[in-house]
Amino acid sequence: MAGLDGRRVRTDMELWSEIRRKVLVEGVSKRQVCREYGVGWRTLEKMLAFAEPPGYRRRVVRGRPRLGAFVGLIDGILAADADPSTPRKQR
C-alpha cells in the first residue's frame, strides 16, 4: 500500500481505522506504519489523536476590521429585506 494518495488517507474512514488499529491495538511501530502506508509522521499523529478525520480547522479566527463598523447597518438592511410585505423588486 505504499504511496497512497494523501487525500485518500485523510478521508477514507476504513483506512483511518485500520491504521489506528495497527498502532493502538496490534502494537506495530509508528515508523513501520508510516513506511507501509506512505503517510507522514504528522499525519499519523493526527490519526492517533482523532477517532475520525477532523477536517479543516482554522487556527486563528480572522477579524473583519474594515467591515466591522458596518456590520450593524448591513444586518439592518438584510432584516428589512426579509420583510415579506416589501415588494420583490424593491428588495
Protein backbone atom coordinates (compact mmCIF):
# COMPACT_ATOMS: atom_id res chain seq x y z
CA MET A 1 0.00 0.00 0.00
CA ALA A 2 2.98 2.31 -0.21
CA GLY A 3 2.49 5.67 -1.88
CA LEU A 4 -1.16 6.27 -1.02
CA ASP A 5 -2.74 9.48 -2.20
CA GLY A 6 -2.74 11.98 0.70
CA ARG A 7 -6.36 12.95 0.08
CA ARG A 8 -7.45 9.32 0.38
CA VAL A 9 -5.68 8.91 3.71
CA ARG A 10 -7.43 11.98 5.14
CA THR A 11 -10.92 10.98 4.01
CA ASP A 12 -11.08 7.17 3.85
CA MET A 13 -12.56 6.11 7.19
CA GLU A 14 -11.69 2.42 6.73
CA LEU A 15 -8.04 3.24 6.10
CA TRP A 16 -8.05 5.68 9.04
CA SER A 17 -9.44 2.96 11.34
CA GLU A 18 -7.06 0.32 10.01
CA ILE A 19 -4.00 2.47 10.68
CA ARG A 20 -5.26 3.36 14.19
CA ARG A 21 -5.90 -0.33 14.95
CA LYS A 22 -2.41 -1.36 13.79
CA VAL A 23 -0.69 1.14 16.08
CA LEU A 24 -3.00 1.18 19.10
CA VAL A 25 -4.18 -2.45 19.27
CA GLU A 26 -1.61 -4.57 17.45
CA GLY A 27 1.35 -2.54 18.70
CA VAL A 28 3.01 -2.00 15.30
CA SER A 29 5.59 0.77 15.50
CA LYS A 30 4.68 4.21 14.19
CA ARG A 31 7.71 4.21 11.92
CA GLN A 32 6.68 0.95 10.29
CA VAL A 33 3.09 2.15 9.74
CA CYS A 34 4.38 5.37 8.16
CA ARG A 35 6.55 3.31 5.84
CA GLU A 36 3.84 0.76 4.95
CA TYR A 37 1.09 3.26 4.20
CA GLY A 38 3.24 6.10 2.91
CA VAL A 39 1.95 8.68 5.39
CA GLY A 40 3.94 11.37 7.15
CA TRP A 41 4.51 11.24 10.87
CA ARG A 42 2.40 14.38 11.44
CA THR A 43 -0.50 12.76 9.60
CA LEU A 44 -0.05 9.62 11.69
CA GLU A 45 -0.11 11.70 14.89
CA LYS A 46 -3.41 13.27 13.77
CA MET A 47 -4.79 9.82 13.04
CA LEU A 48 -3.92 8.66 16.53
CA ALA A 49 -5.28 11.82 18.17
CA PHE A 50 -8.69 11.76 16.43
CA ALA A 51 -11.04 8.78 16.09
CA GLU A 52 -12.22 10.13 12.72
CA PRO A 53 -10.72 12.62 10.24
CA PRO A 54 -11.09 16.11 11.77
CA GLY A 55 -11.46 18.03 8.51
CA TYR A 56 -10.34 21.60 8.05
CA ARG A 57 -9.75 23.69 11.16
CA ARG A 58 -8.83 27.35 11.09
CA ARG A 59 -6.10 28.12 13.61
CA VAL A 60 -6.84 31.80 14.21
CA VAL A 61 -10.23 33.46 13.96
CA ARG A 62 -9.97 36.22 11.41
CA GLY A 63 -11.39 39.59 12.29
CA ARG A 64 -13.29 41.91 9.98
CA PRO A 65 -11.55 45.25 10.58
CA ARG A 66 -12.87 47.12 7.52
CA LEU A 67 -16.34 45.65 7.59
CA GLY A 68 -16.68 45.68 11.37
CA ALA A 69 -18.06 49.22 11.58
CA PHE A 70 -20.84 48.44 9.10
CA VAL A 71 -22.00 45.03 10.32
CA GLY A 72 -24.95 46.51 12.24
CA LEU A 73 -26.05 48.55 9.21
CA ILE A 74 -25.80 45.53 6.89
CA ASP A 75 -27.74 43.34 9.32
CA GLY A 76 -30.46 46.01 9.46
CA ILE A 77 -30.73 46.13 5.66
CA LEU A 78 -30.92 42.33 5.45
CA ALA A 79 -33.57 42.22 8.17
CA ALA A 80 -35.63 44.83 6.30
CA ASP A 81 -35.29 42.82 3.07
CA ALA A 82 -36.60 39.74 4.84
CA ASP A 83 -39.92 41.51 5.47
CA PRO A 84 -42.49 39.74 3.22
CA SER A 85 -44.60 42.90 2.83
CA THR A 86 -41.83 44.61 0.82
CA PRO A 87 -42.37 44.15 -2.94
CA ARG A 88 -39.86 41.78 -4.52
CA LYS A 89 -38.32 44.36 -6.88
CA GLN A 90 -37.66 46.78 -4.01
CA ARG A 91 -35.53 44.31 -2.08
